[in-house]
Amino acid sequence: MSIITTIAEADATGIAAEAYADDLKDQGFVASHTRVMVTNPEAFAAWDALITAIARPMDKRRYELVTLAAALGTKSLHCRLAHGRKTLRYIDEDELVRIAEDYRSAGLTEAEVAMMEFAERVSTDAASMTDADSLRLRELGFSDREIVDIALAAAARNYYSRALQALAVDLDVTPGITPRLHDALVAGI
């Protein structure tokens, strides 16, 4: 449980009020991570601008797969559950359960598996990565821009996940996640 005192919805103004309204519109409640992170509204706005700049040009399915793999690497329940729900917009639940349980054997393309391995490795052992890691993606058809976007998406997920973990942010009950999908997303974390 985070010790951070957060802004009450009725008292939120500016960036905090906008973030709260976005959460309410998207999921029907204000997420604990939003409440904590808007304690520094300028950093929250910078984060939002950064993640938007990274995610907007990416294929949405690709972005969510990278995010799920990076969150697996950081052992972030917050991000696995929140992005598991978001991924349902692009991947049906049966496939997503298989991916969450073991993306390497979920029937993904070779390129998708390699992309997820890259993202997970960014989250677990980026310091030992070499050109060979990026070359593998290039060999599978990713452009230089796509490789950079994959690295940026994974690294950005690391930033946010680690901040939430460091602040002991409460884990919200994620609406729209069946018990089966929930269990698959949290397995191994």
Protein backbone atom coordinates (compact mmCIF):
# COMPACT_ATOMS: atom_id res chain seq x y z
CA MET A 1 0.00 0.00 0.00
CA SER A 2 1.47 3.34 -1.02
CA ILE A 3 2.04 5.91 1.69
CA ILE A 4 1.61 8.72 -0.85
CA THR A 5 -1.30 11.03 -0.05
CA THR A 6 -3.23 11.52 -3.27
CA ILE A 7 -5.56 14.21 -4.53
CA ALA A 8 -9.26 13.57 -3.95
CA GLU A 9 -11.36 13.61 -7.11
CA ALA A 10 -13.33 16.61 -5.87
CA ASP A 11 -10.09 18.55 -5.29
CA ALA A 12 -8.36 17.67 -8.55
CA THR A 13 -7.55 20.51 -10.91
CA GLY A 14 -5.49 20.93 -14.06
CA ILE A 15 -3.49 17.89 -15.15
CA ALA A 16 -4.77 15.79 -12.23
CA ALA A 17 -8.40 16.54 -13.10
CA GLU A 18 -7.75 15.68 -16.76
CA ALA A 19 -6.02 12.41 -15.83
CA TYR A 20 -8.84 11.47 -13.47
CA ALA A 21 -11.45 12.24 -16.15
CA ASP A 22 -9.54 10.13 -18.70
CA ASP A 23 -9.48 7.17 -16.29
CA LEU A 24 -13.18 7.54 -15.49
CA LYS A 25 -14.04 7.64 -19.19
CA ASP A 26 -11.80 4.68 -20.07
CA GLN A 27 -12.41 2.33 -17.15
CA GLY A 28 -15.07 3.78 -14.88
CA PHE A 29 -12.75 4.56 -11.95
CA VAL A 30 -9.54 6.45 -11.22
CA ALA A 31 -6.66 3.99 -11.06
CA SER A 32 -4.39 3.96 -8.02
CA HIS A 33 -1.36 4.48 -10.25
CA THR A 34 -2.92 7.62 -11.75
CA ARG A 35 -3.70 9.00 -8.30
CA VAL A 36 -0.10 8.50 -7.16
CA MET A 37 1.65 9.63 -10.32
CA VAL A 38 -0.28 12.91 -10.66
CA THR A 39 1.27 13.93 -7.36
CA ASN A 40 3.89 15.32 -9.77
CA PRO A 41 1.59 16.64 -12.51
CA GLU A 42 4.38 17.92 -14.73
CA ALA A 43 6.13 14.54 -14.74
CA PHE A 44 2.79 12.83 -15.36
CA ALA A 45 2.13 15.10 -18.35
CA ALA A 46 5.65 14.45 -19.66
CA TRP A 47 5.08 10.69 -19.27
CA ASP A 48 1.79 10.93 -21.12
CA ALA A 49 3.42 12.89 -23.95
CA LEU A 50 6.31 10.42 -24.14
CA ILE A 51 4.18 7.28 -24.20
CA THR A 52 1.84 8.85 -26.75
CA ALA A 53 4.80 9.74 -28.99
CA ILE A 54 6.07 6.17 -28.74
CA ALA A 55 2.76 4.32 -29.08
CA ARG A 56 0.91 6.43 -31.65
CA PRO A 57 2.98 5.42 -34.71
CA MET A 58 3.15 1.76 -33.68
CA ASP A 59 0.71 -0.92 -34.73
CA LYS A 60 -1.57 -1.26 -31.70
CA ARG A 61 -1.32 -5.04 -31.48
CA ARG A 62 2.47 -4.78 -31.65
CA TYR A 63 2.56 -2.06 -28.98
CA GLU A 64 0.43 -4.11 -26.57
CA LEU A 65 2.50 -7.27 -27.13
CA VAL A 66 5.70 -5.32 -26.43
CA THR A 67 4.11 -3.79 -23.34
CA LEU A 68 2.96 -7.17 -22.01
CA ALA A 69 6.44 -8.66 -22.54
CA ALA A 70 8.19 -5.70 -20.90
CA ALA A 71 5.75 -5.85 -17.97
CA LEU A 72 6.49 -9.57 -17.64
CA GLY A 73 10.19 -8.77 -17.46
CA THR A 74 9.68 -6.14 -14.75
CA LYS A 75 7.18 -8.36 -12.93
CA SER A 76 4.63 -5.55 -13.05
CA LEU A 77 1.17 -6.76 -12.13
CA HIS A 78 -0.16 -3.22 -12.63
CA CYS A 79 0.92 -3.10 -16.26
CA ARG A 80 0.17 -6.73 -17.09
CA LEU A 81 -3.43 -6.33 -15.91
CA ALA A 82 -4.06 -2.84 -17.26
CA HIS A 83 -2.58 -3.67 -20.66
CA GLY A 84 -4.17 -7.10 -20.66
CA ARG A 85 -7.50 -5.29 -20.62
CA LYS A 86 -6.37 -2.87 -23.33
CA THR A 87 -5.04 -5.71 -25.48
CA LEU A 88 -8.52 -7.22 -25.67
CA ARG A 89 -9.28 -4.46 -28.20
CA TYR A 90 -6.82 -6.10 -30.62
CA ILE A 91 -6.59 -9.75 -29.59
CA ASP A 92 -9.40 -12.06 -28.55
CA GLU A 93 -9.34 -13.51 -25.05
CA ASP A 94 -8.44 -17.09 -26.03
CA GLU A 95 -5.35 -15.96 -27.92
CA LEU A 96 -4.44 -13.48 -25.19
CA VAL A 97 -4.61 -16.20 -22.52
CA ARG A 98 -2.23 -18.34 -24.59
CA ILE A 99 0.11 -15.36 -25.03
CA ALA A 100 0.01 -14.51 -21.33
CA GLU A 101 0.70 -18.10 -20.33
CA ASP A 102 3.65 -18.52 -22.73
CA TYR A 103 4.01 -16.22 -25.70
CA ARG A 104 6.70 -18.46 -27.22
CA SER A 105 4.22 -21.28 -27.75
CA ALA A 106 1.05 -19.23 -28.31
CA GLY A 107 1.00 -19.48 -32.10
CA LEU A 108 2.41 -16.00 -32.69
CA THR A 109 4.52 -15.26 -35.74
CA GLU A 110 8.27 -15.68 -35.45
CA ALA A 111 8.59 -11.90 -35.71
CA GLU A 112 6.11 -11.32 -32.85
CA VAL A 113 7.91 -13.81 -30.60
CA ALA A 114 11.29 -12.21 -31.34
CA MET A 115 9.85 -8.75 -30.67
CA MET A 116 8.45 -9.91 -27.32
CA GLU A 117 11.73 -11.62 -26.39
CA PHE A 118 13.54 -8.37 -27.18
CA ALA A 119 11.12 -6.36 -25.02
CA GLU A 120 11.34 -8.83 -22.15
CA ARG A 121 15.13 -8.74 -22.34
CA VAL A 122 15.11 -4.92 -22.22
CA SER A 123 13.31 -5.40 -18.90
CA THR A 124 15.57 -8.08 -17.47
CA ASP A 125 19.05 -7.67 -18.92
CA ALA A 126 19.39 -4.62 -21.18
CA ALA A 127 23.02 -4.11 -20.18
CA SER A 128 24.10 -7.29 -21.97
CA MET A 129 22.17 -6.64 -25.18
CA THR A 130 24.22 -6.24 -28.35
CA ASP A 131 23.71 -5.47 -32.01
CA ALA A 132 22.79 -9.13 -32.43
CA ASP A 133 19.53 -8.51 -30.59
CA SER A 134 18.53 -5.72 -32.98
CA LEU A 135 19.85 -7.60 -36.01
CA ARG A 136 17.53 -10.48 -35.18
CA LEU A 137 14.58 -8.09 -35.45
CA ARG A 138 15.91 -6.63 -38.70
CA GLU A 139 16.30 -10.16 -40.16
CA LEU A 140 12.62 -10.74 -39.39
CA GLY A 141 11.59 -7.66 -41.36
CA PHE A 142 11.48 -4.87 -38.78
CA SER A 143 12.67 -1.48 -40.02
CA ASP A 144 15.14 0.58 -38.03
CA ARG A 145 12.28 2.83 -36.90
CA GLU A 146 10.27 -0.19 -35.75
CA ILE A 147 13.26 -1.56 -33.81
CA VAL A 148 13.75 1.79 -32.10
CA ASP A 149 10.02 2.00 -31.32
CA ILE A 150 10.05 -1.50 -29.78
CA ALA A 151 13.04 -0.58 -27.61
CA LEU A 152 11.45 2.71 -26.58
CA ALA A 153 8.11 1.08 -25.73
CA ALA A 154 9.82 -1.55 -23.57
CA ALA A 155 12.09 0.97 -21.87
CA ALA A 156 9.19 3.34 -21.18
CA ARG A 157 7.21 0.49 -19.63
CA ASN A 158 10.22 -0.17 -17.39
CA TYR A 159 10.22 3.43 -16.20
CA TYR A 160 6.55 3.45 -15.29
CA SER A 161 6.44 -0.07 -13.85
CA ARG A 162 9.46 0.48 -11.64
CA ALA A 163 8.09 3.78 -10.32
CA LEU A 164 4.81 2.08 -9.38
CA GLN A 165 6.66 -0.75 -7.70
CA ALA A 166 9.02 1.60 -5.84
CA LEU A 167 6.05 3.56 -4.49
CA ALA A 168 4.12 0.40 -3.51
CA VAL A 169 1.09 1.57 -5.49
CA ASP A 170 -2.05 -0.41 -4.73
CA LEU A 171 -3.13 -2.91 -7.35
CA ASP A 172 -6.63 -2.16 -8.63
CA VAL A 173 -9.22 -4.75 -9.54
CA THR A 174 -9.18 -4.53 -13.33
CA PRO A 175 -12.66 -4.44 -14.87
CA GLY A 176 -13.22 -6.43 -18.04
CA ILE A 177 -10.75 -9.15 -17.11
CA THR A 178 -12.18 -12.62 -16.63
CA PRO A 179 -10.73 -14.79 -13.87
CA ARG A 180 -9.14 -17.01 -16.54
CA LEU A 181 -7.37 -14.06 -18.19
CA HIS A 182 -6.43 -12.57 -14.82
CA ASP A 183 -4.77 -15.82 -13.76
CA ALA A 184 -2.87 -16.07 -17.05
CA LEU A 185 -1.63 -12.47 -16.83
CA VAL A 186 -0.35 -12.78 -13.26
CA ALA A 187 1.20 -16.26 -13.60
CA GLY A 188 4.94 -16.17 -13.24
CA ILE A 189 5.05 -12.70 -11.75
